[in-house]
Amino acid sequence: MKNRDKLEELIAKLRWLKLPSMAQCVEELLDQAAKRNLTPLELLHRLCDEESSGRLQRAVERRIKAAGFPEINTVDAFDFSFSLCRKKLRARFLALLELGFLARGVNPLFLGVPGAGKTFLSRCLAYRACQSQKRVVATTAARMLNELSGAEIHGDLERKMRRYVKADLLVIDDFATLAMDQGQAKLAFEVISERYDHRRSTSITTNRPFKDWTKVFPDALNAQIIAERLTERAEVFSLEKGYRMAKRR
């Protein structure tokens, strides 16, 4: 009973010191130390390793939560063998998962018909970035622009804009899909331009080829500049065949 009291006191101290992983595993590791004749130094190393691993896992979980994923997608679930187009882009896409593109400010752009896998691939990248503790925001164009428009009305635009501008990777789904008014187009221009100036990577998915963006933006020049800033440093992936519809047949 005395040893049990001392153990519980130790666990309480570890929690007070904000070492939750140590507190969680200390009893088990003490048992292992007794059975395997671990030295005090070996035991301390194992405790520190557990705390380090736990902190990393919690940091990743925070990044994933902050990113705002509606759904988690991982590359192992993507069927690259479905079409010749997918087979051809496989090596280029897998290279992006090493995340070197973030340091270079490269923009992964996914173009193609609905249901081709554009959103899935963009979320795979975003999830991988979260695993490397990068700041990620995953959103739709409509959600982002509605949030920024509301913030502008309520005088909170600067704070809301920071979330989209300062992320290491911003993933915008369905970009240039729905028609924008002048205010929304201005906000889209500000986000893309700020990120371009600071060489921060922006990933978009879109159903429209760049030449048709003038149908969405009220100002053709605005559409052209945004397209140029996205494509100047880019990896473009064109997906030609719809996967979802084919699987339903």
C-alpha atoms as a PDB file:
ATOM      1  CA  MET A   1       0.000   0.000   0.000  1.00  0.00           C
ATOM      2  CA  LYS A   2       2.858   2.353   0.791  1.00  0.00           C
ATOM      3  CA  ASN A   3       4.407   1.834  -2.648  1.00  0.00           C
ATOM      4  CA  ARG A   4       1.015   2.348  -4.258  1.00  0.00           C
ATOM      5  CA  ASP A   5       0.597   5.652  -2.436  1.00  0.00           C
ATOM      6  CA  LYS A   6       4.027   6.778  -3.578  1.00  0.00           C
ATOM      7  CA  LEU A   7       3.204   5.804  -7.170  1.00  0.00           C
ATOM      8  CA  GLU A   8      -0.035   7.768  -7.128  1.00  0.00           C
ATOM      9  CA  GLU A   9       1.829  10.727  -5.646  1.00  0.00           C
ATOM     10  CA  LEU A  10       4.401  10.477  -8.475  1.00  0.00           C
ATOM     11  CA  ILE A  11       1.641  10.341 -11.105  1.00  0.00           C
ATOM     12  CA  ALA A  12       0.019  13.425  -9.572  1.00  0.00           C
ATOM     13  CA  LYS A  13       3.350  15.278  -9.691  1.00  0.00           C
ATOM     14  CA  LEU A  14       3.880  14.348 -13.346  1.00  0.00           C
ATOM     15  CA  ARG A  15       0.425  15.631 -14.234  1.00  0.00           C
ATOM     16  CA  TRP A  16       1.058  18.844 -12.306  1.00  0.00           C
ATOM     17  CA  LEU A  17       4.288  19.270 -14.275  1.00  0.00           C
ATOM     18  CA  LYS A  18       2.212  18.824 -17.472  1.00  0.00           C
ATOM     19  CA  LEU A  19       3.841  15.519 -18.407  1.00  0.00           C
ATOM     20  CA  PRO A  20       0.682  13.532 -19.201  1.00  0.00           C
ATOM     21  CA  SER A  21       2.333  10.801 -21.271  1.00  0.00           C
ATOM     22  CA  MET A  22       4.813  10.090 -18.493  1.00  0.00           C
ATOM     23  CA  ALA A  23       1.974   9.991 -15.985  1.00  0.00           C
ATOM     24  CA  GLN A  24       0.062   7.555 -18.159  1.00  0.00           C
ATOM     25  CA  CYS A  25       2.904   5.091 -18.745  1.00  0.00           C
ATOM     26  CA  VAL A  26       5.055   5.361 -15.584  1.00  0.00           C
ATOM     27  CA  GLU A  27       3.407   2.426 -13.795  1.00  0.00           C
ATOM     28  CA  GLU A  28       3.874   0.104 -16.765  1.00  0.00           C
ATOM     29  CA  LEU A  29       7.466   1.209 -17.301  1.00  0.00           C
ATOM     30  CA  LEU A  30       8.298   0.691 -13.633  1.00  0.00           C
ATOM     31  CA  ASP A  31       6.980  -2.873 -13.945  1.00  0.00           C
ATOM     32  CA  GLN A  32       9.105  -3.410 -17.049  1.00  0.00           C
ATOM     33  CA  ALA A  33      12.144  -1.977 -15.293  1.00  0.00           C
ATOM     34  CA  ALA A  34      11.758  -4.471 -12.455  1.00  0.00           C
ATOM     35  CA  LYS A  35      11.271  -7.439 -14.779  1.00  0.00           C
ATOM     36  CA  ARG A  36      14.061  -6.563 -17.205  1.00  0.00           C
ATOM     37  CA  ASN A  37      16.521  -5.071 -14.718  1.00  0.00           C
ATOM     38  CA  LEU A  38      16.545  -1.712 -16.456  1.00  0.00           C
ATOM     39  CA  THR A  39      18.947   0.831 -15.015  1.00  0.00           C
ATOM     40  CA  PRO A  40      17.554   4.127 -13.673  1.00  0.00           C
ATOM     41  CA  LEU A  41      19.093   5.852 -16.710  1.00  0.00           C
ATOM     42  CA  GLU A  42      17.355   3.475 -19.132  1.00  0.00           C
ATOM     43  CA  LEU A  43      14.065   3.992 -17.326  1.00  0.00           C
ATOM     44  CA  LEU A  44      14.399   7.776 -17.540  1.00  0.00           C
ATOM     45  CA  HIS A  45      15.171   7.573 -21.272  1.00  0.00           C
ATOM     46  CA  ARG A  46      12.041   5.504 -21.860  1.00  0.00           C
ATOM     47  CA  LEU A  47       9.907   7.926 -19.871  1.00  0.00           C
ATOM     48  CA  CYS A  48      11.260  10.852 -21.879  1.00  0.00           C
ATOM     49  CA  ASP A  49      10.684   8.992 -25.143  1.00  0.00           C
ATOM     50  CA  GLU A  50       7.054   8.367 -24.201  1.00  0.00           C
ATOM     51  CA  GLU A  51       6.515  12.023 -23.337  1.00  0.00           C
ATOM     52  CA  SER A  52       8.169  13.164 -26.561  1.00  0.00           C
ATOM     53  CA  SER A  53       6.040  10.793 -28.621  1.00  0.00           C
ATOM     54  CA  GLY A  54       2.885  11.868 -26.823  1.00  0.00           C
ATOM     55  CA  ARG A  55       3.582  15.555 -27.358  1.00  0.00           C
ATOM     56  CA  LEU A  56       4.199  14.994 -31.056  1.00  0.00           C
ATOM     57  CA  GLN A  57       0.931  13.087 -31.397  1.00  0.00           C
ATOM     58  CA  ARG A  58      -1.010  15.797 -29.586  1.00  0.00           C
ATOM     59  CA  ALA A  59       0.575  18.492 -31.754  1.00  0.00           C
ATOM     60  CA  VAL A  60      -0.455  16.627 -34.901  1.00  0.00           C
ATOM     61  CA  GLU A  61      -3.987  16.203 -33.562  1.00  0.00           C
ATOM     62  CA  ARG A  62      -4.189  19.951 -32.928  1.00  0.00           C
ATOM     63  CA  ARG A  63      -3.033  20.683 -36.472  1.00  0.00           C
ATOM     64  CA  ILE A  64      -5.635  18.316 -37.912  1.00  0.00           C
ATOM     65  CA  LYS A  65      -8.403  19.878 -35.817  1.00  0.00           C
ATOM     66  CA  ALA A  66      -7.330  23.419 -36.735  1.00  0.00           C
ATOM     67  CA  ALA A  67      -7.239  22.556 -40.438  1.00  0.00           C
ATOM     68  CA  GLY A  68     -10.996  22.013 -40.456  1.00  0.00           C
ATOM     69  CA  PHE A  69     -11.163  18.793 -42.463  1.00  0.00           C
ATOM     70  CA  PRO A  70     -14.724  17.702 -43.261  1.00  0.00           C
ATOM     71  CA  GLU A  71     -13.190  14.289 -43.942  1.00  0.00           C
ATOM     72  CA  ILE A  72      -9.722  12.737 -43.577  1.00  0.00           C
ATOM     73  CA  ASN A  73      -8.296  11.281 -46.787  1.00  0.00           C
ATOM     74  CA  THR A  74      -5.047   9.314 -47.022  1.00  0.00           C
ATOM     75  CA  VAL A  75      -3.120   8.378 -50.134  1.00  0.00           C
ATOM     76  CA  ASP A  76      -3.282   4.627 -49.497  1.00  0.00           C
ATOM     77  CA  ALA A  77      -7.023   4.782 -50.250  1.00  0.00           C
ATOM     78  CA  PHE A  78      -6.575   6.426 -53.674  1.00  0.00           C
ATOM     79  CA  ASP A  79      -6.870   4.105 -56.666  1.00  0.00           C
ATOM     80  CA  PHE A  80      -4.055   5.193 -58.991  1.00  0.00           C
ATOM     81  CA  SER A  81      -4.709   2.204 -61.262  1.00  0.00           C
ATOM     82  CA  PHE A  82      -8.221   3.360 -62.152  1.00  0.00           C
ATOM     83  CA  SER A  83      -7.156   5.193 -65.310  1.00  0.00           C
ATOM     84  CA  LEU A  84      -4.090   5.931 -67.431  1.00  0.00           C
ATOM     85  CA  CYS A  85      -4.301   9.564 -66.318  1.00  0.00           C
ATOM     86  CA  ARG A  86      -4.017   8.544 -62.655  1.00  0.00           C
ATOM     87  CA  LYS A  87      -1.135   6.191 -63.369  1.00  0.00           C
ATOM     88  CA  LYS A  88       0.797   9.000 -65.062  1.00  0.00           C
ATOM     89  CA  LEU A  89       0.395  11.454 -62.191  1.00  0.00           C
ATOM     90  CA  ARG A  90       1.186   8.925 -59.441  1.00  0.00           C
ATOM     91  CA  ALA A  91       4.947   9.510 -59.198  1.00  0.00           C
ATOM     92  CA  ARG A  92       4.623  13.307 -59.283  1.00  0.00           C
ATOM     93  CA  PHE A  93       1.949  13.306 -56.609  1.00  0.00           C
ATOM     94  CA  LEU A  94       3.771  10.911 -54.291  1.00  0.00           C
ATOM     95  CA  ALA A  95       6.843  13.161 -54.533  1.00  0.00           C
ATOM     96  CA  LEU A  96       4.727  16.024 -53.179  1.00  0.00           C
ATOM     97  CA  LEU A  97       4.037  14.029 -50.022  1.00  0.00           C
ATOM     98  CA  GLU A  98       7.651  14.654 -49.018  1.00  0.00           C
ATOM     99  CA  LEU A  99       6.480  18.295 -48.607  1.00  0.00           C
ATOM    100  CA  GLY A 100       9.528  19.918 -50.175  1.00  0.00           C
ATOM    101  CA  PHE A 101       7.129  21.991 -52.275  1.00  0.00           C
ATOM    102  CA  LEU A 102       6.116  23.997 -49.190  1.00  0.00           C
ATOM    103  CA  ALA A 103       9.577  25.528 -48.791  1.00  0.00           C
ATOM    104  CA  ARG A 104       9.553  26.513 -52.475  1.00  0.00           C
ATOM    105  CA  GLY A 105       6.064  27.993 -52.404  1.00  0.00           C
ATOM    106  CA  VAL A 106       4.799  25.638 -55.108  1.00  0.00           C
ATOM    107  CA  ASN A 107       1.032  25.455 -55.637  1.00  0.00           C
ATOM    108  CA  PRO A 108      -0.497  21.991 -56.227  1.00  0.00           C
ATOM    109  CA  LEU A 109      -3.443  22.581 -58.577  1.00  0.00           C
ATOM    110  CA  PHE A 110      -6.033  19.892 -59.295  1.00  0.00           C
ATOM    111  CA  LEU A 111      -8.188  20.331 -62.404  1.00  0.00           C
ATOM    112  CA  GLY A 112     -10.828  18.085 -63.875  1.00  0.00           C
ATOM    113  CA  VAL A 113     -14.390  16.885 -64.017  1.00  0.00           C
ATOM    114  CA  PRO A 114     -16.514  16.355 -60.896  1.00  0.00           C
ATOM    115  CA  GLY A 115     -15.794  13.104 -59.073  1.00  0.00           C
ATOM    116  CA  ALA A 116     -12.340  12.637 -60.577  1.00  0.00           C
ATOM    117  CA  GLY A 117     -10.500  12.660 -57.242  1.00  0.00           C
ATOM    118  CA  LYS A 118      -9.303  16.257 -57.065  1.00  0.00           C
ATOM    119  CA  THR A 119     -10.579  16.920 -53.559  1.00  0.00           C
ATOM    120  CA  PHE A 120      -9.324  13.564 -52.306  1.00  0.00           C
ATOM    121  CA  LEU A 121      -5.760  14.255 -53.478  1.00  0.00           C
ATOM    122  CA  SER A 122      -5.710  17.795 -52.117  1.00  0.00           C
ATOM    123  CA  ARG A 123      -6.837  16.549 -48.704  1.00  0.00           C
ATOM    124  CA  CYS A 124      -4.171  13.824 -48.774  1.00  0.00           C
ATOM    125  CA  LEU A 125      -1.563  16.557 -49.119  1.00  0.00           C
ATOM    126  CA  ALA A 126      -3.157  18.637 -46.391  1.00  0.00           C
ATOM    127  CA  TYR A 127      -3.284  15.689 -43.994  1.00  0.00           C
ATOM    128  CA  ARG A 128       0.358  14.848 -44.691  1.00  0.00           C
ATOM    129  CA  ALA A 129       1.302  18.459 -43.953  1.00  0.00           C
ATOM    130  CA  CYS A 130      -0.555  18.288 -40.630  1.00  0.00           C
ATOM    131  CA  GLN A 131       1.399  15.150 -39.758  1.00  0.00           C
ATOM    132  CA  SER A 132       4.559  17.229 -40.206  1.00  0.00           C
ATOM    133  CA  GLN A 133       3.118  19.889 -37.887  1.00  0.00           C
ATOM    134  CA  LYS A 134       2.543  22.436 -40.630  1.00  0.00           C
ATOM    135  CA  ARG A 135      -0.223  25.007 -40.309  1.00  0.00           C
ATOM    136  CA  VAL A 136      -2.971  23.925 -42.681  1.00  0.00           C
ATOM    137  CA  VAL A 137      -6.386  25.306 -43.588  1.00  0.00           C
ATOM    138  CA  ALA A 138      -8.738  23.192 -45.686  1.00  0.00           C
ATOM    139  CA  THR A 139     -11.872  24.953 -46.909  1.00  0.00           C
ATOM    140  CA  THR A 140     -14.154  25.512 -49.866  1.00  0.00           C
ATOM    141  CA  ALA A 141     -14.045  28.713 -51.871  1.00  0.00           C
ATOM    142  CA  ALA A 142     -17.632  29.504 -50.889  1.00  0.00           C
ATOM    143  CA  ARG A 143     -16.991  29.001 -47.170  1.00  0.00           C
ATOM    144  CA  MET A 144     -13.803  31.071 -47.205  1.00  0.00           C
ATOM    145  CA  LEU A 145     -15.330  33.973 -49.118  1.00  0.00           C
ATOM    146  CA  ASN A 146     -18.533  33.978 -47.059  1.00  0.00           C
ATOM    147  CA  GLU A 147     -16.501  34.017 -43.843  1.00  0.00           C
ATOM    148  CA  LEU A 148     -14.289  36.847 -45.059  1.00  0.00           C
ATOM    149  CA  SER A 149     -17.264  38.823 -46.374  1.00  0.00           C
ATOM    150  CA  GLY A 150     -18.990  38.528 -43.002  1.00  0.00           C
ATOM    151  CA  ALA A 151     -15.797  39.512 -41.189  1.00  0.00           C
ATOM    152  CA  GLU A 152     -15.454  42.586 -43.394  1.00  0.00           C
ATOM    153  CA  ILE A 153     -18.983  43.684 -42.513  1.00  0.00           C
ATOM    154  CA  HIS A 154     -18.294  43.271 -38.793  1.00  0.00           C
ATOM    155  CA  GLY A 155     -14.872  44.930 -38.848  1.00  0.00           C
ATOM    156  CA  ASP A 156     -12.995  41.695 -38.203  1.00  0.00           C
ATOM    157  CA  LEU A 157     -11.467  41.149 -41.635  1.00  0.00           C
ATOM    158  CA  GLU A 158      -7.812  41.510 -40.666  1.00  0.00           C
ATOM    159  CA  ARG A 159      -8.001  38.783 -38.019  1.00  0.00           C
ATOM    160  CA  LYS A 160      -9.945  36.373 -40.232  1.00  0.00           C
ATOM    161  CA  MET A 161      -7.673  37.055 -43.188  1.00  0.00           C
ATOM    162  CA  ARG A 162      -4.603  36.055 -41.157  1.00  0.00           C
ATOM    163  CA  ARG A 163      -5.870  32.472 -40.856  1.00  0.00           C
ATOM    164  CA  TYR A 164      -5.939  32.057 -44.632  1.00  0.00           C
ATOM    165  CA  VAL A 165      -2.855  34.102 -45.446  1.00  0.00           C
ATOM    166  CA  LYS A 166      -0.445  32.707 -42.856  1.00  0.00           C
ATOM    167  CA  ALA A 167      -1.170  28.980 -43.210  1.00  0.00           C
ATOM    168  CA  ASP A 168       1.783  26.974 -44.526  1.00  0.00           C
ATOM    169  CA  LEU A 169      -0.682  25.251 -46.851  1.00  0.00           C
ATOM    170  CA  LEU A 170      -4.087  26.582 -47.839  1.00  0.00           C
ATOM    171  CA  VAL A 171      -6.365  24.112 -49.625  1.00  0.00           C
ATOM    172  CA  ILE A 172      -9.346  25.682 -51.409  1.00  0.00           C
ATOM    173  CA  ASP A 173     -11.898  23.286 -52.848  1.00  0.00           C
ATOM    174  CA  ASP A 174     -14.143  24.277 -55.786  1.00  0.00           C
ATOM    175  CA  PHE A 175     -12.200  27.439 -56.607  1.00  0.00           C
ATOM    176  CA  ALA A 176     -13.532  29.449 -59.572  1.00  0.00           C
ATOM    177  CA  THR A 177     -16.611  27.244 -59.719  1.00  0.00           C
ATOM    178  CA  LEU A 178     -19.353  29.617 -58.539  1.00  0.00           C
ATOM    179  CA  ALA A 179     -19.739  33.152 -59.862  1.00  0.00           C
ATOM    180  CA  MET A 180     -18.386  35.855 -57.537  1.00  0.00           C
ATOM    181  CA  ASP A 181     -19.542  39.392 -56.952  1.00  0.00           C
ATOM    182  CA  GLN A 182     -17.084  42.298 -56.840  1.00  0.00           C
ATOM    183  CA  GLY A 183     -16.553  42.008 -53.095  1.00  0.00           C
ATOM    184  CA  GLN A 184     -15.871  38.273 -53.158  1.00  0.00           C
ATOM    185  CA  ALA A 185     -13.515  38.631 -56.123  1.00  0.00           C
ATOM    186  CA  LYS A 186     -11.566  41.315 -54.237  1.00  0.00           C
ATOM    187  CA  LEU A 187     -11.203  39.060 -51.207  1.00  0.00           C
ATOM    188  CA  ALA A 188     -10.091  36.096 -53.342  1.00  0.00           C
ATOM    189  CA  PHE A 189      -7.527  38.363 -54.992  1.00  0.00           C
ATOM    190  CA  GLU A 190      -6.201  39.516 -51.597  1.00  0.00           C
ATOM    191  CA  VAL A 191      -5.796  35.976 -50.266  1.00  0.00           C
ATOM    192  CA  ILE A 192      -4.039  34.639 -53.376  1.00  0.00           C
ATOM    193  CA  SER A 193      -1.858  37.744 -53.776  1.00  0.00           C
ATOM    194  CA  GLU A 194      -0.722  37.803 -50.142  1.00  0.00           C
ATOM    195  CA  ARG A 195       0.185  34.144 -50.280  1.00  0.00           C
ATOM    196  CA  TYR A 196       1.973  34.633 -53.606  1.00  0.00           C
ATOM    197  CA  ASP A 197       4.033  37.521 -52.209  1.00  0.00           C
ATOM    198  CA  HIS A 198       5.153  35.413 -49.214  1.00  0.00           C
ATOM    199  CA  ARG A 199       5.716  32.259 -51.315  1.00  0.00           C
ATOM    200  CA  ARG A 200       3.182  30.220 -49.334  1.00  0.00           C
ATOM    201  CA  SER A 201       1.696  27.212 -51.053  1.00  0.00           C
ATOM    202  CA  THR A 202      -1.945  27.279 -52.092  1.00  0.00           C
ATOM    203  CA  SER A 203      -3.673  24.173 -53.395  1.00  0.00           C
ATOM    204  CA  ILE A 204      -6.932  24.495 -55.319  1.00  0.00           C
ATOM    205  CA  THR A 205      -9.385  22.139 -56.943  1.00  0.00           C
ATOM    206  CA  THR A 206     -11.481  23.420 -59.824  1.00  0.00           C
ATOM    207  CA  ASN A 207     -13.811  22.141 -62.514  1.00  0.00           C
ATOM    208  CA  ARG A 208     -13.031  25.037 -64.843  1.00  0.00           C
ATOM    209  CA  PRO A 209      -9.982  25.445 -67.097  1.00  0.00           C
ATOM    210  CA  PHE A 210      -8.125  28.699 -66.469  1.00  0.00           C
ATOM    211  CA  LYS A 211      -9.363  30.245 -69.724  1.00  0.00           C
ATOM    212  CA  ASP A 212     -12.936  30.036 -68.414  1.00  0.00           C
ATOM    213  CA  TRP A 213     -12.270  31.844 -65.137  1.00  0.00           C
ATOM    214  CA  THR A 214     -13.488  35.084 -66.724  1.00  0.00           C
ATOM    215  CA  LYS A 215     -16.984  33.557 -66.511  1.00  0.00           C
ATOM    216  CA  VAL A 216     -16.679  33.492 -62.724  1.00  0.00           C
ATOM    217  CA  PHE A 217     -14.835  36.709 -61.900  1.00  0.00           C
ATOM    218  CA  PRO A 218     -16.597  39.997 -62.689  1.00  0.00           C
ATOM    219  CA  ASP A 219     -13.273  41.497 -63.836  1.00  0.00           C
ATOM    220  CA  ALA A 220     -11.370  39.576 -66.536  1.00  0.00           C
ATOM    221  CA  LEU A 221      -8.050  41.148 -65.496  1.00  0.00           C
ATOM    222  CA  ASN A 222      -8.631  40.022 -61.911  1.00  0.00           C
ATOM    223  CA  ALA A 223      -9.197  36.453 -63.121  1.00  0.00           C
ATOM    224  CA  GLN A 224      -6.049  36.563 -65.258  1.00  0.00           C
ATOM    225  CA  ILE A 225      -3.802  37.845 -62.460  1.00  0.00           C
ATOM    226  CA  ILE A 226      -5.078  35.252 -59.965  1.00  0.00           C
ATOM    227  CA  ALA A 227      -4.552  32.445 -62.488  1.00  0.00           C
ATOM    228  CA  GLU A 228      -1.031  33.686 -63.271  1.00  0.00           C
ATOM    229  CA  ARG A 229      -0.060  33.897 -59.605  1.00  0.00           C
ATOM    230  CA  LEU A 230      -1.323  30.417 -58.932  1.00  0.00           C
ATOM    231  CA  THR A 231       0.370  28.862 -61.953  1.00  0.00           C
ATOM    232  CA  GLU A 232       3.727  30.696 -61.856  1.00  0.00           C
ATOM    233  CA  ARG A 233       5.053  28.163 -59.325  1.00  0.00           C
ATOM    234  CA  ALA A 234       2.772  25.178 -59.654  1.00  0.00           C
ATOM    235  CA  GLU A 235       2.363  21.449 -60.006  1.00  0.00           C
ATOM    236  CA  VAL A 236      -0.726  20.975 -62.168  1.00  0.00           C
ATOM    237  CA  PHE A 237      -2.648  17.705 -62.047  1.00  0.00           C
ATOM    238  CA  SER A 238      -5.368  17.169 -64.647  1.00  0.00           C
ATOM    239  CA  LEU A 239      -7.816  14.381 -63.878  1.00  0.00           C
ATOM    240  CA  GLU A 240      -9.882  13.491 -66.897  1.00  0.00           C
ATOM    241  CA  LYS A 241     -12.170  10.641 -65.811  1.00  0.00           C
ATOM    242  CA  GLY A 242     -14.821  10.664 -63.116  1.00  0.00           C
ATOM    243  CA  TYR A 243     -14.173   7.969 -60.506  1.00  0.00           C
ATOM    244  CA  ARG A 244     -17.347   8.258 -58.425  1.00  0.00           C
ATOM    245  CA  MET A 245     -19.740   7.773 -61.354  1.00  0.00           C
ATOM    246  CA  ALA A 246     -17.758   4.828 -62.704  1.00  0.00           C
ATOM    247  CA  LYS A 247     -17.897   3.073 -59.314  1.00  0.00           C
ATOM    248  CA  ARG A 248     -21.673   3.516 -59.126  1.00  0.00           C
ATOM    249  CA  ARG A 249     -22.263   1.634 -62.368  1.00  0.00           C
END
